[in-house]
Amino acid sequence: LAETREKILQYKSRVTEELDLKRKIQVLEASLEDHVKMKQAALAEFEAYKHRIEDMQLCAEAQHVQRIVTMSREVEEIRRKFEERLRSFGQLQVQFEKDKRLALEDLRTAHRREIQELLKSQQDHSASVNKGQEKAEELHRMEVEALNQTLEELRLERKKLIEDYEGKLHKAQSFYEHELDT
């Protein structure tokens, strides 16, 4: 009987040990399961973070490309406007030169016409008045002085026109250089 009791105690002890081991196994399995769940959650969170970072990077790259495209368009527009202003400036410069030449030619023509009219009036006067040589010489001298004065006035007017033109041209060049600098 003692032997049986001992065996029963051994069996009970083994059963208790086995139950303890089963509990430990269950605890370990539960712990392992929790660990696996935490690991999966961490991996899922990492993947979500990775996707967010990739999306942010793609978005940043797209914004960068968009900024480059926008800046490229702006630079192209500025270049186009600059070329248009340069072309306009060239046309304006050509027009100024043309106006200057026409003004000078008009002044020369008017001067020639006045001289011819004065010469004709002098010749007519000389033909009609043969006598009074001194009077004719005095008249001639006065007409020459008047012509010289007219010539001097025309020269001054021509000089003023040239200075005005050069001033306007310089002002236009300064304006366009200022525009080019901005």
N, C-alpha and C. Protein backbone atom coordinates (compact mmCIF):
# COMPACT_ATOMS: atom_id res chain seq x y z
N LEU A 1 0.82 -1.18 0.00
CA LEU A 1 0.00 0.00 0.00
C LEU A 1 0.87 1.25 0.00
N ALA A 2 1.87 1.21 0.75
CA ALA A 2 2.80 2.33 0.78
C ALA A 2 3.40 2.53 -0.59
N GLU A 3 3.68 1.45 -1.21
CA GLU A 3 4.26 1.52 -2.56
C GLU A 3 3.24 2.15 -3.50
N THR A 4 2.02 1.78 -3.37
CA THR A 4 0.97 2.31 -4.23
C THR A 4 0.80 3.80 -3.93
N ARG A 5 0.85 4.12 -2.64
CA ARG A 5 0.71 5.51 -2.27
C ARG A 5 1.86 6.33 -2.85
N GLU A 6 2.99 5.76 -2.76
CA GLU A 6 4.18 6.44 -3.30
C GLU A 6 4.02 6.62 -4.81
N LYS A 7 3.53 5.59 -5.45
CA LYS A 7 3.33 5.69 -6.89
C LYS A 7 2.26 6.74 -7.19
N ILE A 8 1.21 6.75 -6.38
CA ILE A 8 0.14 7.74 -6.59
C ILE A 8 0.72 9.13 -6.40
N LEU A 9 1.53 9.30 -5.35
CA LEU A 9 2.15 10.60 -5.10
C LEU A 9 3.07 10.98 -6.27
N GLN A 10 3.79 9.99 -6.77
CA GLN A 10 4.67 10.25 -7.92
C GLN A 10 3.82 10.67 -9.12
N TYR A 11 2.72 9.92 -9.31
CA TYR A 11 1.86 10.27 -10.44
C TYR A 11 1.25 11.65 -10.25
N LYS A 12 0.82 11.92 -8.99
CA LYS A 12 0.25 13.25 -8.72
C LYS A 12 1.31 14.33 -8.97
N SER A 13 2.49 14.06 -8.50
CA SER A 13 3.57 15.02 -8.68
C SER A 13 3.86 15.20 -10.17
N ARG A 14 3.86 14.08 -10.89
CA ARG A 14 4.08 14.18 -12.34
C ARG A 14 2.94 14.94 -13.00
N VAL A 15 1.71 14.64 -12.57
CA VAL A 15 0.54 15.32 -13.14
C VAL A 15 0.64 16.81 -12.82
N THR A 16 1.02 17.14 -11.59
CA THR A 16 1.17 18.54 -11.19
C THR A 16 2.26 19.20 -12.03
N GLU A 17 3.38 18.51 -12.17
CA GLU A 17 4.47 19.04 -13.00
C GLU A 17 4.00 19.22 -14.43
N GLU A 18 3.26 18.20 -14.89
CA GLU A 18 2.78 18.26 -16.27
C GLU A 18 1.81 19.43 -16.42
N LEU A 19 0.93 19.61 -15.42
CA LEU A 19 -0.02 20.73 -15.47
C LEU A 19 0.74 22.06 -15.43
N ASP A 20 1.76 22.11 -14.55
CA ASP A 20 2.59 23.32 -14.49
C ASP A 20 3.26 23.59 -15.83
N LEU A 21 3.79 22.50 -16.40
CA LEU A 21 4.44 22.65 -17.72
C LEU A 21 3.43 23.09 -18.78
N LYS A 22 2.21 22.48 -18.71
CA LYS A 22 1.17 22.87 -19.67
C LYS A 22 0.82 24.35 -19.50
N ARG A 23 0.69 24.80 -18.23
CA ARG A 23 0.40 26.21 -17.97
C ARG A 23 1.54 27.09 -18.49
N LYS A 24 2.76 26.67 -18.22
CA LYS A 24 3.92 27.43 -18.71
C LYS A 24 3.91 27.49 -20.24
N ILE A 25 3.59 26.30 -20.84
CA ILE A 25 3.52 26.26 -22.31
C ILE A 25 2.43 27.20 -22.80
N GLN A 26 1.25 27.18 -22.13
CA GLN A 26 0.16 28.07 -22.53
C GLN A 26 0.57 29.53 -22.37
N VAL A 27 1.23 29.82 -21.23
CA VAL A 27 1.69 31.21 -21.00
C VAL A 27 2.70 31.60 -22.08
N LEU A 28 3.64 30.68 -22.37
CA LEU A 28 4.64 30.97 -23.40
C LEU A 28 3.99 31.13 -24.77
N GLU A 29 3.01 30.21 -25.07
CA GLU A 29 2.31 30.32 -26.35
C GLU A 29 1.55 31.65 -26.45
N ALA A 30 0.88 32.02 -25.34
CA ALA A 30 0.16 33.30 -25.32
C ALA A 30 1.14 34.46 -25.49
N SER A 31 2.27 34.36 -24.78
CA SER A 31 3.30 35.39 -24.89
C SER A 31 3.84 35.45 -26.31
N LEU A 32 4.06 34.24 -26.90
CA LEU A 32 4.54 34.18 -28.28
C LEU A 32 3.52 34.79 -29.23
N GLU A 33 2.25 34.45 -28.99
CA GLU A 33 1.17 34.98 -29.83
C GLU A 33 1.12 36.51 -29.71
N ASP A 34 1.22 37.02 -28.47
CA ASP A 34 1.24 38.48 -28.27
C ASP A 34 2.44 39.10 -28.97
N HIS A 35 3.59 38.42 -28.85
CA HIS A 35 4.80 38.91 -29.50
C HIS A 35 4.63 38.96 -31.02
N VAL A 36 4.03 37.88 -31.58
CA VAL A 36 3.80 37.83 -33.03
C VAL A 36 2.84 38.95 -33.45
N LYS A 37 1.76 39.15 -32.62
CA LYS A 37 0.81 40.22 -32.94
C LYS A 37 1.49 41.59 -32.89
N MET A 38 2.30 41.80 -31.84
CA MET A 38 3.02 43.07 -31.72
C MET A 38 3.99 43.27 -32.88
N LYS A 39 4.65 42.14 -33.26
CA LYS A 39 5.58 42.21 -34.38
C LYS A 39 4.85 42.57 -35.66
N GLN A 40 3.69 41.91 -35.89
CA GLN A 40 2.90 42.20 -37.09
C GLN A 40 2.39 43.64 -37.07
N ALA A 41 1.94 44.08 -35.88
CA ALA A 41 1.47 45.46 -35.77
C ALA A 41 2.61 46.43 -36.07
N ALA A 42 3.80 46.13 -35.52
CA ALA A 42 4.96 46.99 -35.76
C ALA A 42 5.33 46.99 -37.24
N LEU A 43 5.29 45.79 -37.86
CA LEU A 43 5.59 45.71 -39.30
C LEU A 43 4.55 46.48 -40.11
N ALA A 44 3.26 46.34 -39.73
CA ALA A 44 2.20 47.05 -40.45
C ALA A 44 2.39 48.56 -40.29
N GLU A 45 2.71 48.99 -39.06
CA GLU A 45 2.95 50.41 -38.82
C GLU A 45 4.16 50.90 -39.61
N PHE A 46 5.22 50.07 -39.66
CA PHE A 46 6.41 50.43 -40.42
C PHE A 46 6.08 50.55 -41.91
N GLU A 47 5.29 49.59 -42.42
CA GLU A 47 4.89 49.64 -43.85
C GLU A 47 4.07 50.90 -44.13
N ALA A 48 3.14 51.21 -43.20
CA ALA A 48 2.32 52.42 -43.38
C ALA A 48 3.21 53.66 -43.37
N TYR A 49 4.16 53.69 -42.44
CA TYR A 49 5.10 54.82 -42.36
C TYR A 49 5.93 54.91 -43.64
N LYS A 50 6.38 53.73 -44.10
CA LYS A 50 7.18 53.68 -45.32
C LYS A 50 6.38 54.23 -46.50
N HIS A 51 5.09 53.82 -46.60
CA HIS A 51 4.23 54.31 -47.69
C HIS A 51 4.01 55.82 -47.57
N ARG A 52 3.81 56.30 -46.32
CA ARG A 52 3.63 57.74 -46.13
C ARG A 52 4.87 58.50 -46.58
N ILE A 53 6.04 58.00 -46.21
CA ILE A 53 7.30 58.65 -46.60
C ILE A 53 7.45 58.64 -48.12
N GLU A 54 7.14 57.47 -48.73
CA GLU A 54 7.24 57.38 -50.20
C GLU A 54 6.27 58.36 -50.85
N ASP A 55 5.03 58.43 -50.31
CA ASP A 55 4.05 59.37 -50.85
C ASP A 55 4.52 60.81 -50.68
N MET A 56 5.08 61.11 -49.49
CA MET A 56 5.59 62.47 -49.26
C MET A 56 6.73 62.78 -50.22
N GLN A 57 7.60 61.79 -50.45
CA GLN A 57 8.73 62.00 -51.35
C GLN A 57 8.23 62.22 -52.78
N LEU A 58 7.25 61.40 -53.20
CA LEU A 58 6.68 61.58 -54.54
C LEU A 58 6.02 62.96 -54.67
N CYS A 59 5.31 63.35 -53.61
CA CYS A 59 4.64 64.65 -53.62
C CYS A 59 5.68 65.78 -53.69
N ALA A 60 6.74 65.65 -52.90
CA ALA A 60 7.80 66.67 -52.91
C ALA A 60 8.47 66.73 -54.28
N GLU A 61 8.72 65.56 -54.88
CA GLU A 61 9.32 65.54 -56.22
C GLU A 61 8.39 66.18 -57.24
N ALA A 62 7.08 65.87 -57.12
CA ALA A 62 6.11 66.45 -58.05
C ALA A 62 6.06 67.96 -57.89
N GLN A 63 6.08 68.43 -56.63
CA GLN A 63 6.07 69.87 -56.40
C GLN A 63 7.34 70.52 -56.95
N HIS A 64 8.47 69.84 -56.77
CA HIS A 64 9.74 70.37 -57.28
C HIS A 64 9.68 70.47 -58.81
N VAL A 65 9.19 69.41 -59.44
CA VAL A 65 9.06 69.41 -60.91
C VAL A 65 8.12 70.53 -61.34
N GLN A 66 7.00 70.69 -60.59
CA GLN A 66 6.04 71.74 -60.93
C GLN A 66 6.67 73.12 -60.79
N ARG A 67 7.46 73.31 -59.72
CA ARG A 67 8.14 74.60 -59.54
C ARG A 67 9.12 74.85 -60.69
N ILE A 68 9.85 73.80 -61.07
CA ILE A 68 10.81 73.95 -62.18
C ILE A 68 10.07 74.31 -63.47
N VAL A 69 8.94 73.63 -63.72
CA VAL A 69 8.16 73.91 -64.93
C VAL A 69 7.64 75.35 -64.88
N THR A 70 7.13 75.76 -63.71
CA THR A 70 6.61 77.12 -63.58
C THR A 70 7.72 78.15 -63.78
N MET A 71 8.87 77.91 -63.14
CA MET A 71 9.99 78.84 -63.30
C MET A 71 10.46 78.87 -64.75
N SER A 72 10.46 77.72 -65.39
CA SER A 72 10.88 77.65 -66.79
C SER A 72 9.94 78.48 -67.66
N ARG A 73 8.64 78.35 -67.39
CA ARG A 73 7.67 79.15 -68.15
C ARG A 73 7.87 80.64 -67.90
N GLU A 74 8.09 80.99 -66.61
CA GLU A 74 8.30 82.40 -66.28
C GLU A 74 9.56 82.94 -66.97
N VAL A 75 10.63 82.16 -66.95
CA VAL A 75 11.87 82.58 -67.61
C VAL A 75 11.64 82.75 -69.11
N GLU A 76 10.90 81.82 -69.70
CA GLU A 76 10.61 81.90 -71.14
C GLU A 76 9.78 83.15 -71.45
N GLU A 77 8.80 83.44 -70.58
CA GLU A 77 7.97 84.63 -70.78
C GLU A 77 8.81 85.90 -70.64
N ILE A 78 9.70 85.93 -69.64
CA ILE A 78 10.59 87.09 -69.46
C ILE A 78 11.50 87.25 -70.67
N ARG A 79 12.04 86.12 -71.18
CA ARG A 79 12.91 86.17 -72.36
C ARG A 79 12.14 86.71 -73.57
N ARG A 80 10.88 86.23 -73.73
CA ARG A 80 10.07 86.67 -74.86
C ARG A 80 9.78 88.18 -74.77
N LYS A 81 9.42 88.63 -73.56
CA LYS A 81 9.16 90.07 -73.38
C LYS A 81 10.42 90.89 -73.62
N PHE A 82 11.55 90.38 -73.14
CA PHE A 82 12.83 91.07 -73.34
C PHE A 82 13.13 91.20 -74.83
N GLU A 83 12.97 90.10 -75.57
CA GLU A 83 13.24 90.13 -77.01
C GLU A 83 12.28 91.09 -77.71
N GLU A 84 11.01 91.10 -77.26
CA GLU A 84 10.03 92.01 -77.87
C GLU A 84 10.42 93.46 -77.60
N ARG A 85 10.84 93.75 -76.37
CA ARG A 85 11.25 95.12 -76.05
C ARG A 85 12.51 95.50 -76.81
N LEU A 86 13.43 94.54 -76.95
CA LEU A 86 14.65 94.79 -77.70
C LEU A 86 14.31 95.10 -79.16
N ARG A 87 13.38 94.31 -79.73
CA ARG A 87 12.95 94.54 -81.10
C ARG A 87 12.28 95.91 -81.23
N SER A 88 11.43 96.23 -80.25
CA SER A 88 10.75 97.53 -80.25
C SER A 88 11.76 98.67 -80.13
N PHE A 89 12.76 98.47 -79.28
CA PHE A 89 13.81 99.48 -79.11
C PHE A 89 14.56 99.69 -80.43
N GLY A 90 14.88 98.58 -81.10
CA GLY A 90 15.58 98.68 -82.39
C GLY A 90 14.75 99.45 -83.40
N GLN A 91 13.43 99.16 -83.43
CA GLN A 91 12.55 99.88 -84.36
C GLN A 91 12.48 101.36 -84.00
N LEU A 92 12.43 101.63 -82.70
CA LEU A 92 12.39 103.02 -82.25
C LEU A 92 13.67 103.75 -82.63
N GLN A 93 14.79 103.08 -82.49
CA GLN A 93 16.08 103.67 -82.84
C GLN A 93 16.12 103.97 -84.35
N VAL A 94 15.66 103.01 -85.16
CA VAL A 94 15.62 103.22 -86.62
C VAL A 94 14.71 104.40 -86.95
N GLN A 95 13.55 104.47 -86.26
CA GLN A 95 12.61 105.57 -86.52
C GLN A 95 13.22 106.92 -86.14
N PHE A 96 13.95 106.95 -85.00
CA PHE A 96 14.63 108.19 -84.61
C PHE A 96 15.64 108.61 -85.67
N GLU A 97 16.42 107.67 -86.17
CA GLU A 97 17.41 107.99 -87.21
C GLU A 97 16.71 108.52 -88.46
N LYS A 98 15.62 107.87 -88.83
CA LYS A 98 14.88 108.28 -90.02
C LYS A 98 14.31 109.70 -89.83
N ASP A 99 13.72 109.94 -88.64
CA ASP A 99 13.17 111.27 -88.35
C ASP A 99 14.27 112.33 -88.37
N LYS A 100 15.43 111.98 -87.84
CA LYS A 100 16.56 112.92 -87.82
C LYS A 100 16.98 113.27 -89.25
N ARG A 101 17.12 112.22 -90.09
CA ARG A 101 17.52 112.47 -91.48
C ARG A 101 16.48 113.34 -92.21
N LEU A 102 15.19 113.02 -92.00
CA LEU A 102 14.14 113.79 -92.66
C LEU A 102 14.15 115.24 -92.19
N ALA A 103 14.32 115.46 -90.87
CA ALA A 103 14.35 116.83 -90.35
C ALA A 103 15.52 117.61 -90.93
N LEU A 104 16.69 116.96 -90.98
CA LEU A 104 17.87 117.64 -91.55
C LEU A 104 17.66 117.94 -93.04
N GLU A 105 17.08 117.00 -93.75
CA GLU A 105 16.83 117.21 -95.18
C GLU A 105 15.81 118.33 -95.39
N ASP A 106 14.78 118.38 -94.54
CA ASP A 106 13.80 119.47 -94.64
C ASP A 106 14.46 120.82 -94.38
N LEU A 107 15.34 120.85 -93.38
CA LEU A 107 16.05 122.11 -93.08
C LEU A 107 16.94 122.53 -94.25
N ARG A 108 17.64 121.57 -94.84
CA ARG A 108 18.50 121.89 -95.99
C ARG A 108 17.67 122.41 -97.17
N THR A 109 16.56 121.73 -97.43
CA THR A 109 15.69 122.14 -98.54
C THR A 109 15.14 123.54 -98.31
N ALA A 110 14.68 123.80 -97.08
CA ALA A 110 14.15 125.14 -96.77
C ALA A 110 15.24 126.19 -96.90
N HIS A 111 16.43 125.85 -96.47
CA HIS A 111 17.56 126.78 -96.56
C HIS A 111 17.89 127.08 -98.02
N ARG A 112 17.94 126.04 -98.86
CA ARG A 112 18.22 126.25 -100.29
C ARG A 112 17.14 127.12 -100.94
N ARG A 113 15.89 126.82 -100.59
CA ARG A 113 14.78 127.58 -101.17
C ARG A 113 14.87 129.06 -100.77
N GLU A 114 15.17 129.29 -99.50
CA GLU A 114 15.30 130.68 -99.05
C GLU A 114 16.45 131.38 -99.77
N ILE A 115 17.57 130.69 -99.93
CA ILE A 115 18.72 131.28 -100.63
C ILE A 115 18.35 131.58 -102.08
N GLN A 116 17.67 130.62 -102.73
CA GLN A 116 17.28 130.84 -104.13
C GLN A 116 16.30 132.01 -104.25
N GLU A 117 15.36 132.08 -103.30
CA GLU A 117 14.40 133.19 -103.34
C GLU A 117 15.11 134.53 -103.13
N LEU A 118 16.05 134.52 -102.18
CA LEU A 118 16.80 135.75 -101.94
C LEU A 118 17.65 136.14 -103.15
N LEU A 119 18.30 135.13 -103.76
CA LEU A 119 19.10 135.42 -104.96
C LEU A 119 18.22 135.93 -106.09
N LYS A 120 17.05 135.32 -106.25
CA LYS A 120 16.14 135.75 -107.32
C LYS A 120 15.66 137.17 -107.06
N SER A 121 15.30 137.42 -105.79
CA SER A 121 14.83 138.78 -105.49
C SER A 121 15.96 139.80 -105.68
N GLN A 122 17.19 139.38 -105.37
CA GLN A 122 18.34 140.27 -105.58
C GLN A 122 18.54 140.52 -107.07
N GLN A 123 18.45 139.45 -107.87
CA GLN A 123 18.63 139.61 -109.32
C GLN A 123 17.53 140.48 -109.91
N ASP A 124 16.29 140.24 -109.45
CA ASP A 124 15.18 141.06 -109.94
C ASP A 124 15.38 142.52 -109.57
N HIS A 125 15.83 142.68 -108.36
CA HIS A 125 16.06 144.05 -107.88
C HIS A 125 17.21 144.72 -108.66
N SER A 126 18.28 143.97 -108.91
CA SER A 126 19.42 144.52 -109.65
C SER A 126 19.03 144.87 -111.08
N ALA A 127 18.19 144.03 -111.69
CA ALA A 127 17.76 144.29 -113.07
C ALA A 127 16.88 145.53 -113.15
N SER A 128 16.02 145.71 -112.16
CA SER A 128 15.10 146.85 -112.21
C SER A 128 15.79 148.15 -111.80
N VAL A 129 16.81 148.03 -110.99
CA VAL A 129 17.50 149.24 -110.54
C VAL A 129 18.93 149.20 -111.04
N ASN A 130 19.20 149.81 -112.19
CA ASN A 130 20.56 149.85 -112.72
C ASN A 130 21.34 150.99 -112.11
N LYS A 131 20.62 152.04 -111.82
CA LYS A 131 21.35 153.15 -111.24
C LYS A 131 21.34 153.01 -109.73
N GLY A 132 22.09 153.80 -109.11
CA GLY A 132 22.21 153.76 -107.65
C GLY A 132 23.03 152.56 -107.19
N GLN A 133 24.24 152.49 -107.72
CA GLN A 133 25.14 151.37 -107.41
C GLN A 133 25.36 151.23 -105.91
N GLU A 134 25.48 152.33 -105.23
CA GLU A 134 25.73 152.27 -103.79
C GLU A 134 24.54 151.66 -103.06
N LYS A 135 23.33 152.05 -103.51
CA LYS A 135 22.13 151.49 -102.91
C LYS A 135 22.07 149.99 -103.11
N ALA A 136 22.42 149.57 -104.32
CA ALA A 136 22.38 148.13 -104.63
C ALA A 136 23.40 147.37 -103.79
N GLU A 137 24.60 147.97 -103.63
CA GLU A 137 25.62 147.29 -102.82
C GLU A 137 25.18 147.20 -101.36
N GLU A 138 24.57 148.29 -100.85
CA GLU A 138 24.09 148.28 -99.47
C GLU A 138 23.00 147.22 -99.29
N LEU A 139 22.10 147.16 -100.25
CA LEU A 139 21.03 146.15 -100.20
C LEU A 139 21.62 144.75 -100.26
N HIS A 140 22.60 144.59 -101.14
CA HIS A 140 23.26 143.28 -101.25
C HIS A 140 23.92 142.89 -99.94
N ARG A 141 24.62 143.87 -99.34
CA ARG A 141 25.29 143.58 -98.08
C ARG A 141 24.27 143.19 -97.00
N MET A 142 23.15 143.89 -96.95
CA MET A 142 22.12 143.57 -95.95
C MET A 142 21.53 142.18 -96.20
N GLU A 143 21.32 141.87 -97.47
CA GLU A 143 20.77 140.55 -97.78
C GLU A 143 21.75 139.44 -97.41
N VAL A 144 23.04 139.70 -97.66
CA VAL A 144 24.06 138.71 -97.29
C VAL A 144 24.08 138.53 -95.78
N GLU A 145 23.99 139.66 -95.05
CA GLU A 145 23.95 139.56 -93.60
C GLU A 145 22.71 138.78 -93.13
N ALA A 146 21.58 139.09 -93.79
CA ALA A 146 20.35 138.38 -93.44
C ALA A 146 20.49 136.88 -93.74
N LEU A 147 21.11 136.60 -94.88
CA LEU A 147 21.34 135.18 -95.23
C LEU A 147 22.26 134.52 -94.21
N ASN A 148 23.32 135.24 -93.86
CA ASN A 148 24.24 134.68 -92.86
C ASN A 148 23.53 134.46 -91.53
N GLN A 149 22.70 135.45 -91.18
CA GLN A 149 21.94 135.30 -89.93
C GLN A 149 20.98 134.11 -90.02
N THR A 150 20.30 134.00 -91.16
CA THR A 150 19.39 132.86 -91.37
C THR A 150 20.15 131.55 -91.34
N LEU A 151 21.32 131.56 -91.99
CA LEU A 151 22.15 130.36 -91.98
C LEU A 151 22.56 129.99 -90.56
N GLU A 152 22.95 131.01 -89.79
CA GLU A 152 23.36 130.75 -88.40
C GLU A 152 22.18 130.22 -87.59
N GLU A 153 20.99 130.83 -87.81
CA GLU A 153 19.79 130.35 -87.10
C GLU A 153 19.48 128.91 -87.48
N LEU A 154 19.61 128.61 -88.77
CA LEU A 154 19.36 127.24 -89.22
C LEU A 154 20.38 126.27 -88.62
N ARG A 155 21.63 126.72 -88.54
CA ARG A 155 22.66 125.87 -87.92
C ARG A 155 22.33 125.61 -86.45
N LEU A 156 21.95 126.69 -85.76
CA LEU A 156 21.59 126.54 -84.34
C LEU A 156 20.38 125.61 -84.18
N GLU A 157 19.39 125.81 -85.08
CA GLU A 157 18.20 124.96 -85.01
C GLU A 157 18.56 123.50 -85.30
N ARG A 158 19.43 123.32 -86.28
CA ARG A 158 19.89 121.95 -86.61
C ARG A 158 20.63 121.34 -85.42
N LYS A 159 21.52 122.15 -84.81
CA LYS A 159 22.27 121.67 -83.64
C LYS A 159 21.31 121.31 -82.51
N LYS A 160 20.30 122.16 -82.30
CA LYS A 160 19.31 121.89 -81.24
C LYS A 160 18.54 120.61 -81.55
N LEU A 161 18.14 120.43 -82.81
CA LEU A 161 17.42 119.21 -83.19
C LEU A 161 18.28 117.97 -82.95
N ILE A 162 19.56 118.07 -83.32
CA ILE A 162 20.48 116.93 -83.11
C ILE A 162 20.62 116.64 -81.62
N GLU A 163 20.78 117.73 -80.82
CA GLU A 163 20.93 117.52 -79.36
C GLU A 163 19.66 116.92 -78.77
N ASP A 164 18.48 117.45 -79.23
CA ASP A 164 17.20 116.88 -78.75
C ASP A 164 17.10 115.41 -79.10
N TYR A 165 17.44 115.10 -80.36
CA TYR A 165 17.37 113.70 -80.79
C TYR A 165 18.30 112.83 -79.97
N GLU A 166 19.57 113.30 -79.80
CA GLU A 166 20.53 112.49 -79.04
C GLU A 166 20.09 112.36 -77.59
N GLY A 167 19.49 113.44 -77.02
CA GLY A 167 18.98 113.37 -75.64
C GLY A 167 17.87 112.34 -75.54
N LYS A 168 16.92 112.38 -76.52
CA LYS A 168 15.83 111.39 -76.51
C LYS A 168 16.37 109.99 -76.71
N LEU A 169 17.33 109.86 -77.61
CA LEU A 169 17.92 108.53 -77.85
C LEU A 169 18.62 108.03 -76.60
N HIS A 170 19.38 108.91 -75.95
CA HIS A 170 20.08 108.51 -74.70
C HIS A 170 19.06 108.13 -73.63
N LYS A 171 17.99 108.93 -73.54
CA LYS A 171 16.95 108.64 -72.55
C LYS A 171 16.30 107.28 -72.84
N ALA A 172 16.00 107.02 -74.11
CA ALA A 172 15.40 105.73 -74.49
C ALA A 172 16.35 104.59 -74.21
N GLN A 173 17.65 104.80 -74.53
CA GLN A 173 18.64 103.74 -74.25
C GLN A 173 18.74 103.49 -72.76
N SER A 174 18.75 104.57 -71.95
CA SER A 174 18.82 104.41 -70.49
C SER A 174 17.60 103.66 -69.99
N PHE A 175 16.41 104.04 -70.54
CA PHE A 175 15.18 103.35 -70.13
C PHE A 175 15.25 101.87 -70.45
N TYR A 176 15.70 101.54 -71.68
CA TYR A 176 15.74 100.13 -72.05
C TYR A 176 16.82 99.39 -71.29
N GLU A 177 17.96 100.05 -71.02
CA GLU A 177 18.99 99.39 -70.20
C GLU A 177 18.48 99.16 -68.80
N HIS A 178 17.72 100.15 -68.28
CA HIS A 178 17.11 99.97 -66.95
C HIS A 178 16.12 98.81 -66.99
N GLU A 179 15.31 98.75 -68.04
CA GLU A 179 14.35 97.64 -68.19
C GLU A 179 15.08 96.32 -68.30
N LEU A 180 16.20 96.33 -69.02
CA LEU A 180 16.96 95.09 -69.18
C LEU A 180 17.54 94.64 -67.85
N ASP A 181 17.99 95.62 -67.04
CA ASP A 181 18.56 95.28 -65.73
C ASP A 181 17.51 94.72 -64.80
N THR A 182 16.26 95.23 -64.91
CA THR A 182 15.21 94.72 -64.02
C THR A 182 14.66 93.49 -64.63
